[in-house]
């Protein structure tokens, strides 16, 4: 009977993951009337089964229904991302140092950076490093554990590298920020990387198209006041922008 209840609970958690994309230990413990330790064991089992990826305080789904591979995201809102990219490159000083993390909007920026020369570019994105590999810039791939869904490196090694560099400007992506104090990441590890980047650059901008205003990520990686600004497109209402403008600069790419 006990095994049957455990299997049923784990099946329900798996369905919640597919539908919602992420889960938190405390919320599930209350929902199922069990201890947090029991939920942690469930998450470990789901991780071994390839259904979930353990994160601090919970887990995220590995399902393609929830988090599509980064290559599939590039064509979504591509026009807006192109505008954002062109606005972003205006902020890069001549012969400057740039940190750029993973994400489809940052891929659009990387395409523009191919037109530059003599920049020093640091990235944890395999896709971006590949895009810039033939450019006339010095490109450094930040090493660490590879996260397959985003093709980005994360973890302790990336932190050690960031501790030893400083850039003029950094561009960070976001999974959304509706209901949050700032931009977010779907993974705790990627949020941690972004926090380290904020410490490693003079100016830091979140780049996000207007669809992200209605999306909510799992882990906020900063408050808006910790950033130099947000670069977005003109498809968002003034009232939503005003809340962010009270804390940081908002640059509209049109």
C-alpha atoms as a PDB file:
ATOM      1  CA  UNK A   1       0.000   0.000   0.000  1.00  0.00           C
ATOM      2  CA  UNK A   2       2.818   2.383   0.965  1.00  0.00           C
ATOM      3  CA  UNK A   3       4.648   1.716  -2.324  1.00  0.00           C
ATOM      4  CA  UNK A   4       1.443   2.379  -4.221  1.00  0.00           C
ATOM      5  CA  UNK A   5       0.955   5.740  -2.457  1.00  0.00           C
ATOM      6  CA  UNK A   6       4.572   6.709  -3.164  1.00  0.00           C
ATOM      7  CA  UNK A   7       4.276   5.818  -6.852  1.00  0.00           C
ATOM      8  CA  UNK A   8       0.993   7.709  -7.153  1.00  0.00           C
ATOM      9  CA  UNK A   9       2.454  10.830  -5.497  1.00  0.00           C
ATOM     10  CA  UNK A  10       5.510  10.743  -7.760  1.00  0.00           C
ATOM     11  CA  UNK A  11       3.309  10.409 -10.824  1.00  0.00           C
ATOM     12  CA  UNK A  12       1.306  13.425  -9.705  1.00  0.00           C
ATOM     13  CA  UNK A  13       4.495  15.432  -9.117  1.00  0.00           C
ATOM     14  CA  UNK A  14       5.699  14.499 -12.600  1.00  0.00           C
ATOM     15  CA  UNK A  15       2.427  15.795 -14.088  1.00  0.00           C
ATOM     16  CA  UNK A  16       2.750  19.028 -12.098  1.00  0.00           C
ATOM     17  CA  UNK A  17       6.260  19.475 -13.504  1.00  0.00           C
ATOM     18  CA  UNK A  18       5.074  19.025 -17.087  1.00  0.00           C
ATOM     19  CA  UNK A  19       2.215  21.471 -16.584  1.00  0.00           C
ATOM     20  CA  UNK A  20       3.958  24.132 -14.479  1.00  0.00           C
ATOM     21  CA  UNK A  21       7.628  23.700 -15.365  1.00  0.00           C
ATOM     22  CA  UNK A  22       8.934  23.889 -11.801  1.00  0.00           C
ATOM     23  CA  UNK A  23       8.160  22.780  -8.274  1.00  0.00           C
ATOM     24  CA  UNK A  24       9.185  23.827  -4.788  1.00  0.00           C
ATOM     25  CA  UNK A  25       9.741  21.366  -1.939  1.00  0.00           C
ATOM     26  CA  UNK A  26       7.793  23.295   0.702  1.00  0.00           C
ATOM     27  CA  UNK A  27       4.726  23.798  -1.475  1.00  0.00           C
ATOM     28  CA  UNK A  28       4.582  20.125  -2.468  1.00  0.00           C
ATOM     29  CA  UNK A  29       4.991  18.982   1.129  1.00  0.00           C
ATOM     30  CA  UNK A  30       1.904  21.013   2.104  1.00  0.00           C
ATOM     31  CA  UNK A  31       0.008  19.905  -0.987  1.00  0.00           C
ATOM     32  CA  UNK A  32       0.509  16.193  -0.338  1.00  0.00           C
ATOM     33  CA  UNK A  33       0.586  16.339   3.474  1.00  0.00           C
ATOM     34  CA  UNK A  34       4.045  14.792   3.779  1.00  0.00           C
ATOM     35  CA  UNK A  35       7.432  15.925   5.070  1.00  0.00           C
ATOM     36  CA  UNK A  36       9.879  18.003   3.036  1.00  0.00           C
ATOM     37  CA  UNK A  37      12.340  15.120   3.324  1.00  0.00           C
ATOM     38  CA  UNK A  38       9.819  12.832   1.590  1.00  0.00           C
ATOM     39  CA  UNK A  39       9.440  15.335  -1.261  1.00  0.00           C
ATOM     40  CA  UNK A  40      13.223  15.626  -1.594  1.00  0.00           C
ATOM     41  CA  UNK A  41      13.419  11.842  -1.983  1.00  0.00           C
ATOM     42  CA  UNK A  42      10.694  12.042  -4.640  1.00  0.00           C
ATOM     43  CA  UNK A  43      12.676  14.687  -6.513  1.00  0.00           C
ATOM     44  CA  UNK A  44      15.844  12.576  -6.336  1.00  0.00           C
ATOM     45  CA  UNK A  45      13.894   9.679  -7.846  1.00  0.00           C
ATOM     46  CA  UNK A  46      12.438  11.904 -10.585  1.00  0.00           C
ATOM     47  CA  UNK A  47      15.909  13.248 -11.325  1.00  0.00           C
ATOM     48  CA  UNK A  48      17.272   9.717 -11.756  1.00  0.00           C
ATOM     49  CA  UNK A  49      14.359   8.916 -14.058  1.00  0.00           C
ATOM     50  CA  UNK A  50      15.242  11.908 -16.248  1.00  0.00           C
ATOM     51  CA  UNK A  51      11.984  13.720 -15.519  1.00  0.00           C
ATOM     52  CA  UNK A  52      13.276  16.490 -13.250  1.00  0.00           C
ATOM     53  CA  UNK A  53      16.450  18.442 -12.646  1.00  0.00           C
ATOM     54  CA  UNK A  54      17.183  19.138  -8.995  1.00  0.00           C
ATOM     55  CA  UNK A  55      17.568  22.789  -8.073  1.00  0.00           C
ATOM     56  CA  UNK A  56      17.970  24.643  -4.808  1.00  0.00           C
ATOM     57  CA  UNK A  57      14.675  24.309  -2.945  1.00  0.00           C
ATOM     58  CA  UNK A  58      12.912  22.350  -5.688  1.00  0.00           C
ATOM     59  CA  UNK A  59      13.240  21.096  -9.245  1.00  0.00           C
ATOM     60  CA  UNK A  60      12.562  22.062 -12.849  1.00  0.00           C
ATOM     61  CA  UNK A  61      11.204  19.882 -15.624  1.00  0.00           C
ATOM     62  CA  UNK A  62      13.444  18.368 -18.278  1.00  0.00           C
ATOM     63  CA  UNK A  63      10.467  18.042 -20.591  1.00  0.00           C
ATOM     64  CA  UNK A  64      10.702  19.730 -23.967  1.00  0.00           C
ATOM     65  CA  UNK A  65       7.117  20.852 -23.361  1.00  0.00           C
ATOM     66  CA  UNK A  66       8.400  23.185 -20.658  1.00  0.00           C
ATOM     67  CA  UNK A  67      11.924  24.254 -21.536  1.00  0.00           C
ATOM     68  CA  UNK A  68      12.731  24.030 -25.214  1.00  0.00           C
ATOM     69  CA  UNK A  69      16.281  23.725 -26.411  1.00  0.00           C
ATOM     70  CA  UNK A  70      17.770  27.172 -26.952  1.00  0.00           C
ATOM     71  CA  UNK A  71      18.026  26.708 -30.716  1.00  0.00           C
ATOM     72  CA  UNK A  72      14.219  26.426 -30.902  1.00  0.00           C
ATOM     73  CA  UNK A  73      13.779  29.806 -29.179  1.00  0.00           C
ATOM     74  CA  UNK A  74      15.901  31.870 -31.533  1.00  0.00           C
ATOM     75  CA  UNK A  75      13.148  32.444 -34.120  1.00  0.00           C
ATOM     76  CA  UNK A  76      10.515  33.495 -31.550  1.00  0.00           C
ATOM     77  CA  UNK A  77      10.044  37.288 -31.614  1.00  0.00           C
ATOM     78  CA  UNK A  78      13.180  37.476 -33.771  1.00  0.00           C
ATOM     79  CA  UNK A  79      12.337  40.937 -35.116  1.00  0.00           C
ATOM     80  CA  UNK A  80      12.089  42.391 -31.607  1.00  0.00           C
ATOM     81  CA  UNK A  81      15.275  40.631 -30.522  1.00  0.00           C
ATOM     82  CA  UNK A  82      17.093  42.107 -33.501  1.00  0.00           C
ATOM     83  CA  UNK A  83      16.029  45.615 -32.474  1.00  0.00           C
ATOM     84  CA  UNK A  84      17.151  44.976 -28.905  1.00  0.00           C
ATOM     85  CA  UNK A  85      20.507  43.691 -30.145  1.00  0.00           C
ATOM     86  CA  UNK A  86      21.126  46.799 -32.217  1.00  0.00           C
ATOM     87  CA  UNK A  87      20.310  49.003 -29.235  1.00  0.00           C
ATOM     88  CA  UNK A  88      22.592  46.940 -26.984  1.00  0.00           C
ATOM     89  CA  UNK A  89      25.691  47.229 -29.157  1.00  0.00           C
ATOM     90  CA  UNK A  90      25.480  51.024 -28.958  1.00  0.00           C
ATOM     91  CA  UNK A  91      26.495  50.670 -25.295  1.00  0.00           C
ATOM     92  CA  UNK A  92      29.774  48.851 -25.965  1.00  0.00           C
ATOM     93  CA  UNK A  93      32.883  51.075 -25.792  1.00  0.00           C
ATOM     94  CA  UNK A  94      35.589  50.819 -28.439  1.00  0.00           C
ATOM     95  CA  UNK A  95      38.032  48.002 -27.643  1.00  0.00           C
ATOM     96  CA  UNK A  96      35.835  47.211 -24.633  1.00  0.00           C
ATOM     97  CA  UNK A  97      35.329  44.052 -22.607  1.00  0.00           C
ATOM     98  CA  UNK A  98      31.907  42.411 -22.736  1.00  0.00           C
ATOM     99  CA  UNK A  99      30.239  39.585 -20.802  1.00  0.00           C
ATOM    100  CA  UNK A 100      27.298  37.967 -22.532  1.00  0.00           C
ATOM    101  CA  UNK A 101      25.386  35.014 -21.140  1.00  0.00           C
ATOM    102  CA  UNK A 102      23.195  32.405 -22.786  1.00  0.00           C
ATOM    103  CA  UNK A 103      19.796  33.106 -24.302  1.00  0.00           C
ATOM    104  CA  UNK A 104      18.136  33.753 -27.634  1.00  0.00           C
ATOM    105  CA  UNK A 105      18.219  37.557 -27.304  1.00  0.00           C
ATOM    106  CA  UNK A 106      21.921  37.411 -26.523  1.00  0.00           C
ATOM    107  CA  UNK A 107      22.412  35.237 -29.594  1.00  0.00           C
ATOM    108  CA  UNK A 108      20.967  38.140 -31.582  1.00  0.00           C
ATOM    109  CA  UNK A 109      23.515  40.426 -29.912  1.00  0.00           C
ATOM    110  CA  UNK A 110      26.316  37.979 -30.733  1.00  0.00           C
ATOM    111  CA  UNK A 111      25.388  38.132 -34.418  1.00  0.00           C
ATOM    112  CA  UNK A 112      25.838  41.908 -34.300  1.00  0.00           C
ATOM    113  CA  UNK A 113      29.184  41.519 -32.519  1.00  0.00           C
ATOM    114  CA  UNK A 114      30.525  39.711 -35.571  1.00  0.00           C
ATOM    115  CA  UNK A 115      30.689  43.156 -37.171  1.00  0.00           C
ATOM    116  CA  UNK A 116      33.003  44.427 -34.405  1.00  0.00           C
ATOM    117  CA  UNK A 117      36.711  43.958 -33.959  1.00  0.00           C
ATOM    118  CA  UNK A 118      39.169  44.215 -31.079  1.00  0.00           C
ATOM    119  CA  UNK A 119      36.599  43.505 -28.384  1.00  0.00           C
ATOM    120  CA  UNK A 120      37.249  41.124 -25.510  1.00  0.00           C
ATOM    121  CA  UNK A 121      34.181  38.928 -25.139  1.00  0.00           C
ATOM    122  CA  UNK A 122      33.481  36.513 -22.299  1.00  0.00           C
ATOM    123  CA  UNK A 123      30.571  34.073 -22.555  1.00  0.00           C
ATOM    124  CA  UNK A 124      29.315  30.905 -20.912  1.00  0.00           C
ATOM    125  CA  UNK A 125      27.258  30.049 -24.000  1.00  0.00           C
ATOM    126  CA  UNK A 126      28.505  27.402 -26.425  1.00  0.00           C
ATOM    127  CA  UNK A 127      26.183  28.785 -29.106  1.00  0.00           C
ATOM    128  CA  UNK A 128      27.514  32.320 -28.748  1.00  0.00           C
ATOM    129  CA  UNK A 129      31.153  31.217 -28.596  1.00  0.00           C
ATOM    130  CA  UNK A 130      30.591  29.287 -31.825  1.00  0.00           C
ATOM    131  CA  UNK A 131      28.911  32.286 -33.496  1.00  0.00           C
ATOM    132  CA  UNK A 132      31.847  34.541 -32.623  1.00  0.00           C
ATOM    133  CA  UNK A 133      34.640  32.047 -33.232  1.00  0.00           C
ATOM    134  CA  UNK A 134      35.522  33.557 -36.627  1.00  0.00           C
ATOM    135  CA  UNK A 135      35.104  37.207 -35.627  1.00  0.00           C
ATOM    136  CA  UNK A 136      37.941  39.715 -35.198  1.00  0.00           C
ATOM    137  CA  UNK A 137      37.461  39.732 -31.428  1.00  0.00           C
ATOM    138  CA  UNK A 138      39.134  37.907 -28.567  1.00  0.00           C
ATOM    139  CA  UNK A 139      36.511  35.400 -27.413  1.00  0.00           C
ATOM    140  CA  UNK A 140      36.791  33.541 -24.106  1.00  0.00           C
ATOM    141  CA  UNK A 141      34.485  30.630 -23.302  1.00  0.00           C
ATOM    142  CA  UNK A 142      33.868  30.458 -19.562  1.00  0.00           C
ATOM    143  CA  UNK A 143      34.209  26.816 -18.522  1.00  0.00           C
ATOM    144  CA  UNK A 144      32.089  24.790 -16.131  1.00  0.00           C
ATOM    145  CA  UNK A 145      29.341  22.194 -16.050  1.00  0.00           C
ATOM    146  CA  UNK A 146      27.307  22.200 -19.257  1.00  0.00           C
ATOM    147  CA  UNK A 147      23.541  22.639 -18.926  1.00  0.00           C
ATOM    148  CA  UNK A 148      22.179  20.930 -22.080  1.00  0.00           C
ATOM    149  CA  UNK A 149      18.879  22.815 -22.325  1.00  0.00           C
ATOM    150  CA  UNK A 150      20.515  26.251 -22.554  1.00  0.00           C
ATOM    151  CA  UNK A 151      23.937  25.133 -23.844  1.00  0.00           C
ATOM    152  CA  UNK A 152      25.449  27.214 -21.048  1.00  0.00           C
ATOM    153  CA  UNK A 153      28.165  26.451 -18.517  1.00  0.00           C
ATOM    154  CA  UNK A 154      27.402  26.870 -14.828  1.00  0.00           C
ATOM    155  CA  UNK A 155      28.841  26.033 -11.426  1.00  0.00           C
ATOM    156  CA  UNK A 156      31.931  26.648  -9.328  1.00  0.00           C
ATOM    157  CA  UNK A 157      34.402  26.877 -12.195  1.00  0.00           C
ATOM    158  CA  UNK A 158      32.422  29.650 -13.858  1.00  0.00           C
ATOM    159  CA  UNK A 159      32.347  31.546 -10.558  1.00  0.00           C
ATOM    160  CA  UNK A 160      36.133  31.278 -10.194  1.00  0.00           C
ATOM    161  CA  UNK A 161      36.637  32.733 -13.666  1.00  0.00           C
ATOM    162  CA  UNK A 162      34.215  35.592 -13.048  1.00  0.00           C
ATOM    163  CA  UNK A 163      36.073  36.432  -9.844  1.00  0.00           C
ATOM    164  CA  UNK A 164      39.146  37.155 -11.948  1.00  0.00           C
ATOM    165  CA  UNK A 165      37.714  39.303 -14.749  1.00  0.00           C
ATOM    166  CA  UNK A 166      35.996  42.662 -15.045  1.00  0.00           C
ATOM    167  CA  UNK A 167      34.079  43.899 -18.071  1.00  0.00           C
ATOM    168  CA  UNK A 168      32.894  47.296 -19.223  1.00  0.00           C
ATOM    169  CA  UNK A 169      29.404  46.016 -19.964  1.00  0.00           C
ATOM    170  CA  UNK A 170      27.409  42.813 -19.544  1.00  0.00           C
ATOM    171  CA  UNK A 171      24.195  41.599 -21.149  1.00  0.00           C
ATOM    172  CA  UNK A 172      21.983  39.132 -19.280  1.00  0.00           C
ATOM    173  CA  UNK A 173      18.888  37.360 -20.531  1.00  0.00           C
ATOM    174  CA  UNK A 174      15.740  36.691 -18.535  1.00  0.00           C
ATOM    175  CA  UNK A 175      12.993  34.076 -18.462  1.00  0.00           C
ATOM    176  CA  UNK A 176      10.487  36.663 -17.298  1.00  0.00           C
ATOM    177  CA  UNK A 177       9.745  38.991 -14.410  1.00  0.00           C
ATOM    178  CA  UNK A 178       6.009  39.188 -13.893  1.00  0.00           C
ATOM    179  CA  UNK A 179       5.362  39.409 -10.134  1.00  0.00           C
ATOM    180  CA  UNK A 180       9.071  39.423  -9.297  1.00  0.00           C
ATOM    181  CA  UNK A 181      11.352  42.212  -7.989  1.00  0.00           C
ATOM    182  CA  UNK A 182      13.603  41.826 -11.024  1.00  0.00           C
ATOM    183  CA  UNK A 183      14.580  39.556 -13.936  1.00  0.00           C
ATOM    184  CA  UNK A 184      14.768  35.815 -13.438  1.00  0.00           C
ATOM    185  CA  UNK A 185      16.242  32.517 -14.594  1.00  0.00           C
ATOM    186  CA  UNK A 186      14.588  29.109 -14.807  1.00  0.00           C
ATOM    187  CA  UNK A 187      17.575  27.483 -13.080  1.00  0.00           C
ATOM    188  CA  UNK A 188      19.074  28.322  -9.683  1.00  0.00           C
ATOM    189  CA  UNK A 189      22.545  27.654 -11.092  1.00  0.00           C
ATOM    190  CA  UNK A 190      22.017  30.039 -14.021  1.00  0.00           C
ATOM    191  CA  UNK A 191      20.607  32.657 -11.640  1.00  0.00           C
ATOM    192  CA  UNK A 192      23.754  32.283  -9.538  1.00  0.00           C
ATOM    193  CA  UNK A 193      25.902  32.810 -12.638  1.00  0.00           C
ATOM    194  CA  UNK A 194      24.021  35.996 -13.501  1.00  0.00           C
ATOM    195  CA  UNK A 195      24.479  37.304  -9.954  1.00  0.00           C
ATOM    196  CA  UNK A 196      28.233  36.819 -10.313  1.00  0.00           C
ATOM    197  CA  UNK A 197      28.218  38.643 -13.645  1.00  0.00           C
ATOM    198  CA  UNK A 198      26.570  41.647 -11.997  1.00  0.00           C
ATOM    199  CA  UNK A 199      29.579  41.832  -9.667  1.00  0.00           C
ATOM    200  CA  UNK A 200      32.009  41.513 -12.580  1.00  0.00           C
ATOM    201  CA  UNK A 201      30.933  44.370 -14.874  1.00  0.00           C
ATOM    202  CA  UNK A 202      30.712  48.145 -14.607  1.00  0.00           C
ATOM    203  CA  UNK A 203      27.393  48.314 -16.463  1.00  0.00           C
ATOM    204  CA  UNK A 204      24.884  45.455 -16.556  1.00  0.00           C
ATOM    205  CA  UNK A 205      21.776  45.334 -18.727  1.00  0.00           C
ATOM    206  CA  UNK A 206      19.006  42.778 -18.854  1.00  0.00           C
ATOM    207  CA  UNK A 207      17.890  42.235 -22.454  1.00  0.00           C
ATOM    208  CA  UNK A 208      14.341  40.951 -22.862  1.00  0.00           C
ATOM    209  CA  UNK A 209      11.591  41.318 -25.440  1.00  0.00           C
ATOM    210  CA  UNK A 210       8.147  42.525 -24.349  1.00  0.00           C
ATOM    211  CA  UNK A 211       6.735  38.989 -24.002  1.00  0.00           C
ATOM    212  CA  UNK A 212       8.854  38.541 -20.866  1.00  0.00           C
ATOM    213  CA  UNK A 213       6.743  41.101 -19.002  1.00  0.00           C
ATOM    214  CA  UNK A 214       3.961  38.502 -18.765  1.00  0.00           C
ATOM    215  CA  UNK A 215       6.224  35.524 -18.042  1.00  0.00           C
ATOM    216  CA  UNK A 216       7.407  34.443 -14.611  1.00  0.00           C
ATOM    217  CA  UNK A 217      10.716  32.692 -14.077  1.00  0.00           C
ATOM    218  CA  UNK A 218      11.597  30.532 -11.108  1.00  0.00           C
ATOM    219  CA  UNK A 219      14.555  32.404  -9.599  1.00  0.00           C
ATOM    220  CA  UNK A 220      14.959  36.189  -9.558  1.00  0.00           C
ATOM    221  CA  UNK A 221      18.664  36.937  -9.983  1.00  0.00           C
ATOM    222  CA  UNK A 222      18.562  40.610  -8.983  1.00  0.00           C
ATOM    223  CA  UNK A 223      16.410  43.553  -8.085  1.00  0.00           C
ATOM    224  CA  UNK A 224      15.955  46.100 -10.879  1.00  0.00           C
ATOM    225  CA  UNK A 225      17.866  48.622  -8.778  1.00  0.00           C
ATOM    226  CA  UNK A 226      20.977  46.396  -8.950  1.00  0.00           C
ATOM    227  CA  UNK A 227      21.135  46.758 -12.739  1.00  0.00           C
ATOM    228  CA  UNK A 228      22.218  49.601 -14.983  1.00  0.00           C
ATOM    229  CA  UNK A 229      19.110  49.117 -17.069  1.00  0.00           C
ATOM    230  CA  UNK A 230      16.669  47.048 -19.102  1.00  0.00           C
ATOM    231  CA  UNK A 231      16.689  46.949 -22.896  1.00  0.00           C
ATOM    232  CA  UNK A 232      13.360  45.916 -24.412  1.00  0.00           C
ATOM    233  CA  UNK A 233      11.193  46.581 -27.470  1.00  0.00           C
ATOM    234  CA  UNK A 234       8.276  48.995 -27.870  1.00  0.00           C
ATOM    235  CA  UNK A 235       5.537  46.402 -27.514  1.00  0.00           C
ATOM    236  CA  UNK A 236       4.822  47.036 -23.844  1.00  0.00           C
ATOM    237  CA  UNK A 237       2.490  49.482 -22.109  1.00  0.00           C
ATOM    238  CA  UNK A 238       3.759  52.557 -20.279  1.00  0.00           C
ATOM    239  CA  UNK A 239       2.244  51.503 -16.949  1.00  0.00           C
ATOM    240  CA  UNK A 240       4.266  48.283 -16.897  1.00  0.00           C
ATOM    241  CA  UNK A 241       7.401  50.139 -17.894  1.00  0.00           C
ATOM    242  CA  UNK A 242       6.898  52.793 -15.229  1.00  0.00           C
ATOM    243  CA  UNK A 243       7.252  50.279 -12.400  1.00  0.00           C
ATOM    244  CA  UNK A 244      10.686  49.346 -13.678  1.00  0.00           C
ATOM    245  CA  UNK A 245      11.677  52.920 -14.569  1.00  0.00           C
ATOM    246  CA  UNK A 246      11.281  53.793 -10.896  1.00  0.00           C
ATOM    247  CA  UNK A 247      14.236  51.508 -10.158  1.00  0.00           C
ATOM    248  CA  UNK A 248      16.472  51.504 -13.240  1.00  0.00           C
ATOM    249  CA  UNK A 249      16.884  52.906 -16.739  1.00  0.00           C
ATOM    250  CA  UNK A 250      14.681  51.462 -19.476  1.00  0.00           C
ATOM    251  CA  UNK A 251      15.956  51.643 -23.039  1.00  0.00           C
ATOM    252  CA  UNK A 252      13.375  51.084 -25.768  1.00  0.00           C
ATOM    253  CA  UNK A 253      14.532  49.560 -29.031  1.00  0.00           C
ATOM    254  CA  UNK A 254      12.260  50.664 -31.844  1.00  0.00           C
END
